[in-house]
Amino acid sequence: NARGIISLGGAYSNHLHALAAAGKRFGFPTVGLLRGHPQDTPTVLDLKAFGMHLHWLGYGGYRARHEPAFWLPWREHYPHLHPVPEGGGGLAGASGCGVLVEQAREQLQALGWADYDAWW
């Protein structure tokens, strides 16, 4: 069973920001694999403040994320963490977000909006 999360993103990643904040709030470890070279953007400063452990992959290392063996060394180094694709993508990410549509529909109906298409 995983005790934390490892994922990928850039120096302005909302995905990593949300994971790091959740890790801090709920007390689980988070690791971020970041594109490019070390920089202190407001997002990166928050990631650090939230306790996320950061690894900068450079640009070539980040491009390798689609290669079949990309996760092998990271899973060996962090066997207790669950790897999440970049941006929370993939089938599991889509399935997890599917419930948001129904939650939004219910909340909008409570406000008197008959359909979520009215957002746009």
PDB file of N, CA and C in Angstrom:
ATOM      1  N   ASN A   1       0.828  -1.195   0.000  1.00  0.00           N
ATOM      2  CA  ASN A   1       0.000   0.000   0.000  1.00  0.00           C
ATOM      3  C   ASN A   1       0.866   1.250   0.000  1.00  0.00           C
ATOM      4  N   ALA A   2       0.492   2.189  -0.821  1.00  0.00           N
ATOM      5  CA  ALA A   2       1.237   3.443  -0.920  1.00  0.00           C
ATOM      6  C   ALA A   2       0.967   4.320   0.300  1.00  0.00           C
ATOM      7  N   ARG A   3       2.010   5.010   0.724  1.00  0.00           N
ATOM      8  CA  ARG A   3       1.884   5.939   1.850  1.00  0.00           C
ATOM      9  C   ARG A   3       1.966   7.385   1.400  1.00  0.00           C
ATOM     10  N   GLY A   4       2.192   7.609   0.095  1.00  0.00           N
ATOM     11  CA  GLY A   4       2.315   8.955  -0.426  1.00  0.00           C
ATOM     12  C   GLY A   4       2.243   8.936  -1.938  1.00  0.00           C
ATOM     13  N   ILE A   5       2.589  10.074  -2.546  1.00  0.00           N
ATOM     14  CA  ILE A   5       2.446  10.239  -3.997  1.00  0.00           C
ATOM     15  C   ILE A   5       3.703  10.848  -4.587  1.00  0.00           C
ATOM     16  N   ILE A   6       4.069  10.367  -5.777  1.00  0.00           N
ATOM     17  CA  ILE A   6       5.136  10.955  -6.579  1.00  0.00           C
ATOM     18  C   ILE A   6       4.531  11.284  -7.940  1.00  0.00           C
ATOM     19  N   SER A   7       4.822  12.488  -8.444  1.00  0.00           N
ATOM     20  CA  SER A   7       4.253  12.881  -9.728  1.00  0.00           C
ATOM     21  C   SER A   7       5.157  13.885 -10.424  1.00  0.00           C
ATOM     22  N   LEU A   8       4.741  14.266 -11.628  1.00  0.00           N
ATOM     23  CA  LEU A   8       5.540  15.143 -12.486  1.00  0.00           C
ATOM     24  C   LEU A   8       4.832  16.458 -12.770  1.00  0.00           C
ATOM     25  N   GLY A   9       5.638  17.471 -13.087  1.00  0.00           N
ATOM     26  CA  GLY A   9       5.082  18.755 -13.493  1.00  0.00           C
ATOM     27  C   GLY A   9       6.185  19.772 -13.687  1.00  0.00           C
ATOM     28  N   GLY A  10       5.779  20.975 -13.978  1.00  0.00           N
ATOM     29  CA  GLY A  10       6.726  22.056 -14.186  1.00  0.00           C
ATOM     30  C   GLY A  10       6.771  23.003 -13.003  1.00  0.00           C
ATOM     31  N   ALA A  11       7.529  24.064 -13.156  1.00  0.00           N
ATOM     32  CA  ALA A  11       7.736  25.032 -12.080  1.00  0.00           C
ATOM     33  C   ALA A  11       6.491  25.860 -11.773  1.00  0.00           C
ATOM     34  N   TYR A  12       5.459  25.735 -12.610  1.00  0.00           N
ATOM     35  CA  TYR A  12       4.193  26.446 -12.394  1.00  0.00           C
ATOM     36  C   TYR A  12       3.019  25.464 -12.319  1.00  0.00           C
ATOM     37  N   SER A  13       3.295  24.214 -11.993  1.00  0.00           N
ATOM     38  CA  SER A  13       2.301  23.142 -12.051  1.00  0.00           C
ATOM     39  C   SER A  13       1.222  23.264 -10.975  1.00  0.00           C
ATOM     40  N   ASN A  14      -0.019  23.457 -11.418  1.00  0.00           N
ATOM     41  CA  ASN A  14      -1.149  23.443 -10.484  1.00  0.00           C
ATOM     42  C   ASN A  14      -1.349  22.046  -9.905  1.00  0.00           C
ATOM     43  N   HIS A  15      -1.066  21.044 -10.720  1.00  0.00           N
ATOM     44  CA  HIS A  15      -1.205  19.648 -10.287  1.00  0.00           C
ATOM     45  C   HIS A  15      -0.274  19.358  -9.105  1.00  0.00           C
ATOM     46  N   LEU A  16       1.013  19.694  -9.243  1.00  0.00           N
ATOM     47  CA  LEU A  16       1.947  19.461  -8.138  1.00  0.00           C
ATOM     48  C   LEU A  16       1.578  20.306  -6.928  1.00  0.00           C
ATOM     49  N   HIS A  17       1.123  21.521  -7.178  1.00  0.00           N
ATOM     50  CA  HIS A  17       0.727  22.409  -6.090  1.00  0.00           C
ATOM     51  C   HIS A  17      -0.401  21.769  -5.277  1.00  0.00           C
ATOM     52  N   ALA A  18      -1.402  21.231  -5.972  1.00  0.00           N
ATOM     53  CA  ALA A  18      -2.524  20.588  -5.283  1.00  0.00           C
ATOM     54  C   ALA A  18      -2.067  19.345  -4.520  1.00  0.00           C
ATOM     55  N   LEU A  19      -1.191  18.540  -5.134  1.00  0.00           N
ATOM     56  CA  LEU A  19      -0.692  17.342  -4.448  1.00  0.00           C
ATOM     57  C   LEU A  19       0.097  17.706  -3.196  1.00  0.00           C
ATOM     58  N   ALA A  20       0.974  18.697  -3.316  1.00  0.00           N
ATOM     59  CA  ALA A  20       1.787  19.104  -2.166  1.00  0.00           C
ATOM     60  C   ALA A  20       0.910  19.640  -1.041  1.00  0.00           C
ATOM     61  N   ALA A  21      -0.090  20.442  -1.399  1.00  0.00           N
ATOM     62  CA  ALA A  21      -1.001  20.983  -0.386  1.00  0.00           C
ATOM     63  C   ALA A  21      -1.785  19.859   0.288  1.00  0.00           C
ATOM     64  N   ALA A  22      -2.240  18.883  -0.502  1.00  0.00           N
ATOM     65  CA  ALA A  22      -2.969  17.745   0.072  1.00  0.00           C
ATOM     66  C   ALA A  22      -2.062  16.930   0.990  1.00  0.00           C
ATOM     67  N   GLY A  23      -0.811  16.733   0.567  1.00  0.00           N
ATOM     68  CA  GLY A  23       0.131  16.003   1.406  1.00  0.00           C
ATOM     69  C   GLY A  23       0.342  16.681   2.746  1.00  0.00           C
ATOM     70  N   LYS A  24       0.488  17.995   2.703  1.00  0.00           N
ATOM     71  CA  LYS A  24       0.666  18.740   3.953  1.00  0.00           C
ATOM     72  C   LYS A  24      -0.596  18.650   4.810  1.00  0.00           C
ATOM     73  N   ARG A  25      -1.737  18.846   4.185  1.00  0.00           N
ATOM     74  CA  ARG A  25      -3.006  18.859   4.924  1.00  0.00           C
ATOM     75  C   ARG A  25      -3.333  17.499   5.552  1.00  0.00           C
ATOM     76  N   PHE A  26      -3.086  16.424   4.780  1.00  0.00           N
ATOM     77  CA  PHE A  26      -3.492  15.100   5.240  1.00  0.00           C
ATOM     78  C   PHE A  26      -2.336  14.243   5.753  1.00  0.00           C
ATOM     79  N   GLY A  27      -1.121  14.800   5.756  1.00  0.00           N
ATOM     80  CA  GLY A  27       0.006  14.131   6.385  1.00  0.00           C
ATOM     81  C   GLY A  27       0.624  12.974   5.626  1.00  0.00           C
ATOM     82  N   PHE A  28       0.663  13.052   4.294  1.00  0.00           N
ATOM     83  CA  PHE A  28       1.349  12.008   3.533  1.00  0.00           C
ATOM     84  C   PHE A  28       2.491  12.634   2.734  1.00  0.00           C
ATOM     85  N   PRO A  29       3.554  11.867   2.486  1.00  0.00           N
ATOM     86  CA  PRO A  29       4.704  12.408   1.762  1.00  0.00           C
ATOM     87  C   PRO A  29       4.404  12.603   0.277  1.00  0.00           C
ATOM     88  N   THR A  30       5.027  13.637  -0.280  1.00  0.00           N
ATOM     89  CA  THR A  30       4.894  13.915  -1.707  1.00  0.00           C
ATOM     90  C   THR A  30       6.267  14.181  -2.300  1.00  0.00           C
ATOM     91  N   VAL A  31       6.440  13.729  -3.527  1.00  0.00           N
ATOM     92  CA  VAL A  31       7.675  13.952  -4.275  1.00  0.00           C
ATOM     93  C   VAL A  31       7.287  14.484  -5.642  1.00  0.00           C
ATOM     94  N   GLY A  32       7.966  15.545  -6.068  1.00  0.00           N
ATOM     95  CA  GLY A  32       7.721  16.127  -7.378  1.00  0.00           C
ATOM     96  C   GLY A  32       8.924  15.970  -8.279  1.00  0.00           C
ATOM     97  N   LEU A  33       8.689  15.487  -9.479  1.00  0.00           N
ATOM     98  CA  LEU A  33       9.717  15.390 -10.515  1.00  0.00           C
ATOM     99  C   LEU A  33       9.454  16.541 -11.468  1.00  0.00           C
ATOM    100  N   LEU A  34      10.357  17.512 -11.469  1.00  0.00           N
ATOM    101  CA  LEU A  34      10.095  18.746 -12.193  1.00  0.00           C
ATOM    102  C   LEU A  34      10.884  18.880 -13.486  1.00  0.00           C
ATOM    103  N   ARG A  35      10.225  19.465 -14.463  1.00  0.00           N
ATOM    104  CA  ARG A  35      10.816  19.750 -15.769  1.00  0.00           C
ATOM    105  C   ARG A  35      11.785  20.931 -15.625  1.00  0.00           C
ATOM    106  N   GLY A  36      12.916  20.813 -16.299  1.00  0.00           N
ATOM    107  CA  GLY A  36      13.847  21.932 -16.344  1.00  0.00           C
ATOM    108  C   GLY A  36      14.869  21.920 -15.225  1.00  0.00           C
ATOM    109  N   HIS A  37      15.321  23.119 -14.897  1.00  0.00           N
ATOM    110  CA  HIS A  37      16.388  23.288 -13.913  1.00  0.00           C
ATOM    111  C   HIS A  37      15.864  24.078 -12.724  1.00  0.00           C
ATOM    112  N   PRO A  38      16.515  23.945 -11.566  1.00  0.00           N
ATOM    113  CA  PRO A  38      16.010  24.588 -10.354  1.00  0.00           C
ATOM    114  C   PRO A  38      15.731  26.072 -10.534  1.00  0.00           C
ATOM    115  N   GLN A  39      14.559  26.458 -10.070  1.00  0.00           N
ATOM    116  CA  GLN A  39      14.157  27.861 -10.060  1.00  0.00           C
ATOM    117  C   GLN A  39      13.148  28.047  -8.937  1.00  0.00           C
ATOM    118  N   ASP A  40      13.094  29.238  -8.413  1.00  0.00           N
ATOM    119  CA  ASP A  40      12.197  29.513  -7.297  1.00  0.00           C
ATOM    120  C   ASP A  40      11.013  30.356  -7.752  1.00  0.00           C
ATOM    121  N   THR A  41      10.083  29.727  -8.456  1.00  0.00           N
ATOM    122  CA  THR A  41       8.840  30.397  -8.818  1.00  0.00           C
ATOM    123  C   THR A  41       7.944  30.420  -7.579  1.00  0.00           C
ATOM    124  N   PRO A  42       6.901  31.229  -7.584  1.00  0.00           N
ATOM    125  CA  PRO A  42       5.974  31.184  -6.447  1.00  0.00           C
ATOM    126  C   PRO A  42       5.426  29.776  -6.192  1.00  0.00           C
ATOM    127  N   THR A  43       5.166  29.040  -7.265  1.00  0.00           N
ATOM    128  CA  THR A  43       4.669  27.670  -7.104  1.00  0.00           C
ATOM    129  C   THR A  43       5.714  26.790  -6.441  1.00  0.00           C
ATOM    130  N   VAL A  44       6.947  26.853  -6.910  1.00  0.00           N
ATOM    131  CA  VAL A  44       8.018  26.025  -6.340  1.00  0.00           C
ATOM    132  C   VAL A  44       8.237  26.382  -4.871  1.00  0.00           C
ATOM    133  N   LEU A  45       8.182  27.650  -4.540  1.00  0.00           N
ATOM    134  CA  LEU A  45       8.332  28.048  -3.136  1.00  0.00           C
ATOM    135  C   LEU A  45       7.226  27.433  -2.281  1.00  0.00           C
ATOM    136  N   ASP A  46       6.001  27.397  -2.824  1.00  0.00           N
ATOM    137  CA  ASP A  46       4.910  26.743  -2.100  1.00  0.00           C
ATOM    138  C   ASP A  46       5.149  25.240  -1.975  1.00  0.00           C
ATOM    139  N   LEU A  47       5.604  24.601  -3.062  1.00  0.00           N
ATOM    140  CA  LEU A  47       5.872  23.159  -2.997  1.00  0.00           C
ATOM    141  C   LEU A  47       6.835  22.858  -1.861  1.00  0.00           C
ATOM    142  N   LYS A  48       7.886  23.653  -1.774  1.00  0.00           N
ATOM    143  CA  LYS A  48       8.865  23.469  -0.698  1.00  0.00           C
ATOM    144  C   LYS A  48       8.233  23.713   0.671  1.00  0.00           C
ATOM    145  N   ALA A  49       7.450  24.792   0.775  1.00  0.00           N
ATOM    146  CA  ALA A  49       6.813  25.122   2.054  1.00  0.00           C
ATOM    147  C   ALA A  49       5.830  24.031   2.485  1.00  0.00           C
ATOM    148  N   PHE A  50       5.200  23.376   1.519  1.00  0.00           N
ATOM    149  CA  PHE A  50       4.259  22.293   1.821  1.00  0.00           C
ATOM    150  C   PHE A  50       4.976  20.983   2.126  1.00  0.00           C
ATOM    151  N   GLY A  51       6.301  20.953   1.963  1.00  0.00           N
ATOM    152  CA  GLY A  51       7.072  19.764   2.308  1.00  0.00           C
ATOM    153  C   GLY A  51       7.311  18.780   1.177  1.00  0.00           C
ATOM    154  N   MET A  52       7.007  19.162  -0.048  1.00  0.00           N
ATOM    155  CA  MET A  52       7.246  18.262  -1.180  1.00  0.00           C
ATOM    156  C   MET A  52       8.741  18.174  -1.442  1.00  0.00           C
ATOM    157  N   HIS A  53       9.229  16.955  -1.613  1.00  0.00           N
ATOM    158  CA  HIS A  53      10.632  16.738  -1.970  1.00  0.00           C
ATOM    159  C   HIS A  53      10.742  16.865  -3.489  1.00  0.00           C
ATOM    160  N   LEU A  54      11.652  17.715  -3.960  1.00  0.00           N
ATOM    161  CA  LEU A  54      11.743  18.015  -5.391  1.00  0.00           C
ATOM    162  C   LEU A  54      12.981  17.406  -6.032  1.00  0.00           C
ATOM    163  N   HIS A  55      12.795  16.910  -7.247  1.00  0.00           N
ATOM    164  CA  HIS A  55      13.887  16.442  -8.106  1.00  0.00           C
ATOM    165  C   HIS A  55      13.743  17.160  -9.443  1.00  0.00           C
ATOM    166  N   TRP A  56      14.779  17.892  -9.832  1.00  0.00           N
ATOM    167  CA  TRP A  56      14.771  18.575 -11.130  1.00  0.00           C
ATOM    168  C   TRP A  56      15.385  17.642 -12.167  1.00  0.00           C
ATOM    169  N   LEU A  57      14.648  17.368 -13.229  1.00  0.00           N
ATOM    170  CA  LEU A  57      15.062  16.379 -14.223  1.00  0.00           C
ATOM    171  C   LEU A  57      15.770  16.970 -15.430  1.00  0.00           C
ATOM    172  N   GLY A  58      15.857  18.289 -15.534  1.00  0.00           N
ATOM    173  CA  GLY A  58      16.333  18.882 -16.777  1.00  0.00           C
ATOM    174  C   GLY A  58      15.250  18.696 -17.829  1.00  0.00           C
ATOM    175  N   TYR A  59      15.515  19.142 -19.041  1.00  0.00           N
ATOM    176  CA  TYR A  59      14.496  19.010 -20.087  1.00  0.00           C
ATOM    177  C   TYR A  59      14.546  17.637 -20.744  1.00  0.00           C
ATOM    178  N   GLY A  60      15.748  17.113 -20.955  1.00  0.00           N
ATOM    179  CA  GLY A  60      15.880  15.785 -21.544  1.00  0.00           C
ATOM    180  C   GLY A  60      15.328  14.709 -20.633  1.00  0.00           C
ATOM    181  N   GLY A  61      15.635  14.814 -19.352  1.00  0.00           N
ATOM    182  CA  GLY A  61      15.126  13.841 -18.391  1.00  0.00           C
ATOM    183  C   GLY A  61      13.613  13.865 -18.302  1.00  0.00           C
ATOM    184  N   TYR A  62      13.043  15.047 -18.425  1.00  0.00           N
ATOM    185  CA  TYR A  62      11.592  15.168 -18.368  1.00  0.00           C
ATOM    186  C   TYR A  62      10.940  14.594 -19.620  1.00  0.00           C
ATOM    187  N   ARG A  63      11.583  14.789 -20.771  1.00  0.00           N
ATOM    188  CA  ARG A  63      11.043  14.219 -22.017  1.00  0.00           C
ATOM    189  C   ARG A  63      10.978  12.699 -21.947  1.00  0.00           C
ATOM    190  N   ALA A  64      11.833  12.098 -21.150  1.00  0.00           N
ATOM    191  CA  ALA A  64      11.877  10.636 -21.032  1.00  0.00           C
ATOM    192  C   ALA A  64      10.674  10.066 -20.281  1.00  0.00           C
ATOM    193  N   ARG A  65       9.798  10.914 -19.764  1.00  0.00           N
ATOM    194  CA  ARG A  65       8.672  10.440 -18.953  1.00  0.00           C
ATOM    195  C   ARG A  65       7.738   9.503 -19.702  1.00  0.00           C
ATOM    196  N   HIS A  66       7.770   9.527 -21.039  1.00  0.00           N
ATOM    197  CA  HIS A  66       6.900   8.648 -21.827  1.00  0.00           C
ATOM    198  C   HIS A  66       7.557   7.309 -22.150  1.00  0.00           C
ATOM    199  N   GLU A  67       8.827   7.163 -21.799  1.00  0.00           N
ATOM    200  CA  GLU A  67       9.521   5.901 -22.069  1.00  0.00           C
ATOM    201  C   GLU A  67       9.058   4.837 -21.070  1.00  0.00           C
ATOM    202  N   PRO A  68       8.945   3.583 -21.530  1.00  0.00           N
ATOM    203  CA  PRO A  68       8.419   2.518 -20.661  1.00  0.00           C
ATOM    204  C   PRO A  68       9.169   2.356 -19.335  1.00  0.00           C
ATOM    205  N   ALA A  69      10.461   2.564 -19.330  1.00  0.00           N
ATOM    206  CA  ALA A  69      11.247   2.329 -18.111  1.00  0.00           C
ATOM    207  C   ALA A  69      11.396   3.576 -17.236  1.00  0.00           C
ATOM    208  N   PHE A  70      10.729   4.660 -17.576  1.00  0.00           N
ATOM    209  CA  PHE A  70      10.913   5.914 -16.836  1.00  0.00           C
ATOM    210  C   PHE A  70      10.694   5.746 -15.331  1.00  0.00           C
ATOM    211  N   TRP A  71       9.613   5.090 -14.946  1.00  0.00           N
ATOM    212  CA  TRP A  71       9.259   5.022 -13.532  1.00  0.00           C
ATOM    213  C   TRP A  71      10.082   4.016 -12.737  1.00  0.00           C
ATOM    214  N   LEU A  72      10.789   3.108 -13.399  1.00  0.00           N
ATOM    215  CA  LEU A  72      11.511   2.047 -12.673  1.00  0.00           C
ATOM    216  C   LEU A  72      12.456   2.571 -11.597  1.00  0.00           C
ATOM    217  N   PRO A  73      13.397   3.468 -11.905  1.00  0.00           N
ATOM    218  CA  PRO A  73      14.299   3.921 -10.833  1.00  0.00           C
ATOM    219  C   PRO A  73      13.579   4.714  -9.743  1.00  0.00           C
ATOM    220  N   TRP A  74      12.531   5.419 -10.124  1.00  0.00           N
ATOM    221  CA  TRP A  74      11.795   6.198  -9.123  1.00  0.00           C
ATOM    222  C   TRP A  74      11.012   5.280  -8.194  1.00  0.00           C
ATOM    223  N   ARG A  75      10.465   4.206  -8.725  1.00  0.00           N
ATOM    224  CA  ARG A  75       9.730   3.250  -7.886  1.00  0.00           C
ATOM    225  C   ARG A  75      10.682   2.492  -6.973  1.00  0.00           C
ATOM    226  N   GLU A  76      11.914   2.258  -7.441  1.00  0.00           N
ATOM    227  CA  GLU A  76      12.911   1.617  -6.576  1.00  0.00           C
ATOM    228  C   GLU A  76      13.336   2.560  -5.454  1.00  0.00           C
ATOM    229  N   HIS A  77      13.516   3.834  -5.786  1.00  0.00           N
ATOM    230  CA  HIS A  77      13.952   4.826  -4.801  1.00  0.00           C
ATOM    231  C   HIS A  77      12.831   5.174  -3.814  1.00  0.00           C
ATOM    232  N   TYR A  78      11.597   5.170  -4.289  1.00  0.00           N
ATOM    233  CA  TYR A  78      10.435   5.519  -3.461  1.00  0.00           C
ATOM    234  C   TYR A  78       9.380   4.410  -3.540  1.00  0.00           C
ATOM    235  N   PRO A  79       9.687   3.212  -3.025  1.00  0.00           N
ATOM    236  CA  PRO A  79       8.737   2.100  -3.161  1.00  0.00           C
ATOM    237  C   PRO A  79       7.422   2.311  -2.409  1.00  0.00           C
ATOM    238  N   HIS A  80       7.422   3.219  -1.459  1.00  0.00           N
ATOM    239  CA  HIS A  80       6.230   3.463  -0.651  1.00  0.00           C
ATOM    240  C   HIS A  80       5.319   4.541  -1.237  1.00  0.00           C
ATOM    241  N   LEU A  81       5.695   5.090  -2.408  1.00  0.00           N
ATOM    242  CA  LEU A  81       4.889   6.145  -3.018  1.00  0.00           C
ATOM    243  C   LEU A  81       4.158   5.641  -4.258  1.00  0.00           C
ATOM    244  N   HIS A  82       2.970   6.148  -4.468  1.00  0.00           N
ATOM    245  CA  HIS A  82       2.173   5.801  -5.648  1.00  0.00           C
ATOM    246  C   HIS A  82       2.487   6.802  -6.763  1.00  0.00           C
ATOM    247  N   PRO A  83       2.920   6.323  -7.933  1.00  0.00           N
ATOM    248  CA  PRO A  83       3.205   7.242  -9.037  1.00  0.00           C
ATOM    249  C   PRO A  83       1.916   7.707  -9.719  1.00  0.00           C
ATOM    250  N   VAL A  84       1.814   9.009  -9.907  1.00  0.00           N
ATOM    251  CA  VAL A  84       0.660   9.606 -10.585  1.00  0.00           C
ATOM    252  C   VAL A  84       1.172  10.267 -11.855  1.00  0.00           C
ATOM    253  N   PRO A  85       0.569   9.971 -13.007  1.00  0.00           N
ATOM    254  CA  PRO A  85       1.028  10.575 -14.259  1.00  0.00           C
ATOM    255  C   PRO A  85       0.964  12.106 -14.222  1.00  0.00           C
ATOM    256  N   GLU A  86       1.698  12.704 -15.107  1.00  0.00           N
ATOM    257  CA  GLU A  86       1.737  14.160 -15.232  1.00  0.00           C
ATOM    258  C   GLU A  86       0.323  14.731 -15.298  1.00  0.00           C
ATOM    259  N   GLY A  87       0.055  15.708 -14.456  1.00  0.00           N
ATOM    260  CA  GLY A  87      -1.246  16.358 -14.455  1.00  0.00           C
ATOM    261  C   GLY A  87      -2.388  15.498 -13.945  1.00  0.00           C
ATOM    262  N   GLY A  88      -2.071  14.332 -13.388  1.00  0.00           N
ATOM    263  CA  GLY A  88      -3.123  13.432 -12.931  1.00  0.00           C
ATOM    264  C   GLY A  88      -3.819  12.732 -14.079  1.00  0.00           C
ATOM    265  N   GLY A  89      -3.158  12.693 -15.240  1.00  0.00           N
ATOM    266  CA  GLY A  89      -3.760  12.123 -16.442  1.00  0.00           C
ATOM    267  C   GLY A  89      -3.930  10.621 -16.378  1.00  0.00           C
ATOM    268  N   GLY A  90      -4.478  10.097 -17.422  1.00  0.00           N
ATOM    269  CA  GLY A  90      -4.699   8.660 -17.519  1.00  0.00           C
ATOM    270  C   GLY A  90      -6.104   8.278 -17.096  1.00  0.00           C
ATOM    271  N   LEU A  91      -6.407   7.007 -17.206  1.00  0.00           N
ATOM    272  CA  LEU A  91      -7.745   6.498 -16.900  1.00  0.00           C
ATOM    273  C   LEU A  91      -8.125   6.732 -15.441  1.00  0.00           C
ATOM    274  N   ALA A  92      -7.189   6.482 -14.534  1.00  0.00           N
ATOM    275  CA  ALA A  92      -7.503   6.675 -13.111  1.00  0.00           C
ATOM    276  C   ALA A  92      -7.809   8.138 -12.810  1.00  0.00           C
ATOM    277  N   GLY A  93      -7.051   9.054 -13.411  1.00  0.00           N
ATOM    278  CA  GLY A  93      -7.303  10.477 -13.204  1.00  0.00           C
ATOM    279  C   GLY A  93      -8.652  10.902 -13.754  1.00  0.00           C
ATOM    280  N   ALA A  94      -8.972  10.417 -14.950  1.00  0.00           N
ATOM    281  CA  ALA A  94     -10.262  10.748 -15.559  1.00  0.00           C
ATOM    282  C   ALA A  94     -11.415  10.179 -14.734  1.00  0.00           C
ATOM    283  N   SER A  95     -11.258   8.959 -14.259  1.00  0.00           N
ATOM    284  CA  SER A  95     -12.307   8.343 -13.437  1.00  0.00           C
ATOM    285  C   SER A  95     -12.505   9.117 -12.139  1.00  0.00           C
ATOM    286  N   GLY A  96     -11.400   9.540 -11.541  1.00  0.00           N
ATOM    287  CA  GLY A  96     -11.484  10.298 -10.301  1.00  0.00           C
ATOM    288  C   GLY A  96     -12.143  11.647 -10.472  1.00  0.00           C
ATOM    289  N   CYS A  97     -11.977  12.260 -11.639  1.00  0.00           N
ATOM    290  CA  CYS A  97     -12.572  13.575 -11.898  1.00  0.00           C
ATOM    291  C   CYS A  97     -14.017  13.480 -12.361  1.00  0.00           C
ATOM    292  N   GLY A  98     -14.434  12.304 -12.808  1.00  0.00           N
ATOM    293  CA  GLY A  98     -15.790  12.150 -13.321  1.00  0.00           C
ATOM    294  C   GLY A  98     -16.858  12.556 -12.327  1.00  0.00           C
ATOM    295  N   VAL A  99     -16.622  12.322 -11.058  1.00  0.00           N
ATOM    296  CA  VAL A  99     -17.596  12.657 -10.024  1.00  0.00           C
ATOM    297  C   VAL A  99     -17.784  14.174  -9.904  1.00  0.00           C
ATOM    298  N   LEU A 100     -16.811  14.954 -10.340  1.00  0.00           N
ATOM    299  CA  LEU A 100     -16.910  16.409 -10.224  1.00  0.00           C
ATOM    300  C   LEU A 100     -18.078  16.975 -11.014  1.00  0.00           C
ATOM    301  N   VAL A 101     -18.374  16.383 -12.162  1.00  0.00           N
ATOM    302  CA  VAL A 101     -19.487  16.878 -12.980  1.00  0.00           C
ATOM    303  C   VAL A 101     -20.791  16.777 -12.201  1.00  0.00           C
ATOM    304  N   GLU A 102     -21.042  15.635 -11.587  1.00  0.00           N
ATOM    305  CA  GLU A 102     -22.282  15.466 -10.823  1.00  0.00           C
ATOM    306  C   GLU A 102     -22.310  16.391  -9.605  1.00  0.00           C
ATOM    307  N   GLN A 103     -21.172  16.541  -8.935  1.00  0.00           N
ATOM    308  CA  GLN A 103     -21.131  17.448  -7.783  1.00  0.00           C
ATOM    309  C   GLN A 103     -21.417  18.882  -8.207  1.00  0.00           C
ATOM    310  N   ALA A 104     -20.823  19.305  -9.320  1.00  0.00           N
ATOM    311  CA  ALA A 104     -21.063  20.664  -9.810  1.00  0.00           C
ATOM    312  C   ALA A 104     -22.522  20.831 -10.226  1.00  0.00           C
ATOM    313  N   ARG A 105     -23.082  19.838 -10.902  1.00  0.00           N
ATOM    314  CA  ARG A 105     -24.486  19.907 -11.336  1.00  0.00           C
ATOM    315  C   ARG A 105     -25.405  20.081 -10.117  1.00  0.00           C
ATOM    316  N   GLU A 106     -25.174  19.304  -9.074  1.00  0.00           N
ATOM    317  CA  GLU A 106     -26.005  19.403  -7.870  1.00  0.00           C
ATOM    318  C   GLU A 106     -25.884  20.779  -7.219  1.00  0.00           C
ATOM    319  N   GLN A 107     -24.671  21.299  -7.138  1.00  0.00           N
ATOM    320  CA  GLN A 107     -24.472  22.601  -6.513  1.00  0.00           C
ATOM    321  C   GLN A 107     -25.090  23.719  -7.342  1.00  0.00           C
ATOM    322  N   LEU A 108     -24.967  23.635  -8.666  1.00  0.00           N
ATOM    323  CA  LEU A 108     -25.558  24.664  -9.522  1.00  0.00           C
ATOM    324  C   LEU A 108     -27.082  24.614  -9.467  1.00  0.00           C
ATOM    325  N   GLN A 109     -27.652  23.410  -9.417  1.00  0.00           N
ATOM    326  CA  GLN A 109     -29.107  23.296  -9.297  1.00  0.00           C
ATOM    327  C   GLN A 109     -29.586  23.919  -7.993  1.00  0.00           C
ATOM    328  N   ALA A 110     -28.802  23.767  -6.932  1.00  0.00           N
ATOM    329  CA  ALA A 110     -29.161  24.373  -5.650  1.00  0.00           C
ATOM    330  C   ALA A 110     -29.161  25.898  -5.732  1.00  0.00           C
ATOM    331  N   LEU A 111     -28.389  26.440  -6.683  1.00  0.00           N
ATOM    332  CA  LEU A 111     -28.347  27.888  -6.895  1.00  0.00           C
ATOM    333  C   LEU A 111     -29.406  28.358  -7.887  1.00  0.00           C
ATOM    334  N   GLY A 112     -30.151  27.404  -8.451  1.00  0.00           N
ATOM    335  CA  GLY A 112     -31.186  27.766  -9.406  1.00  0.00           C
ATOM    336  C   GLY A 112     -30.768  27.659 -10.862  1.00  0.00           C
ATOM    337  N   TRP A 113     -29.577  27.135 -11.138  1.00  0.00           N
ATOM    338  CA  TRP A 113     -29.137  26.929 -12.520  1.00  0.00           C
ATOM    339  C   TRP A 113     -29.580  25.533 -12.923  1.00  0.00           C
ATOM    340  N   ALA A 114     -30.352  25.438 -13.994  1.00  0.00           N
ATOM    341  CA  ALA A 114     -30.936  24.158 -14.381  1.00  0.00           C
ATOM    342  C   ALA A 114     -29.928  23.191 -14.995  1.00  0.00           C
ATOM    343  N   ASP A 115     -28.874  23.707 -15.588  1.00  0.00           N
ATOM    344  CA  ASP A 115     -27.946  22.819 -16.291  1.00  0.00           C
ATOM    345  C   ASP A 115     -26.543  23.396 -16.231  1.00  0.00           C
ATOM    346  N   TYR A 116     -25.565  22.523 -16.136  1.00  0.00           N
ATOM    347  CA  TYR A 116     -24.181  22.974 -16.047  1.00  0.00           C
ATOM    348  C   TYR A 116     -23.691  23.625 -17.331  1.00  0.00           C
ATOM    349  N   ASP A 117     -24.383  23.427 -18.464  1.00  0.00           N
ATOM    350  CA  ASP A 117     -23.981  24.106 -19.701  1.00  0.00           C
ATOM    351  C   ASP A 117     -24.080  25.621 -19.557  1.00  0.00           C
ATOM    352  N   ALA A 118     -24.822  26.069 -18.568  1.00  0.00           N
ATOM    353  CA  ALA A 118     -24.975  27.504 -18.349  1.00  0.00           C
ATOM    354  C   ALA A 118     -23.683  28.161 -17.871  1.00  0.00           C
ATOM    355  N   TRP A 119     -22.675  27.360 -17.501  1.00  0.00           N
ATOM    356  CA  TRP A 119     -21.383  27.927 -17.101  1.00  0.00           C
ATOM    357  C   TRP A 119     -20.818  28.783 -18.210  1.00  0.00           C
ATOM    358  N   TRP A 120     -20.987  28.337 -19.443  1.00  0.00           N
ATOM    359  CA  TRP A 120     -20.314  28.966 -20.565  1.00  0.00           C
ATOM    360  C   TRP A 120     -21.208  30.006 -21.149  1.00  0.00           C
TER     361      TRP A 120
END
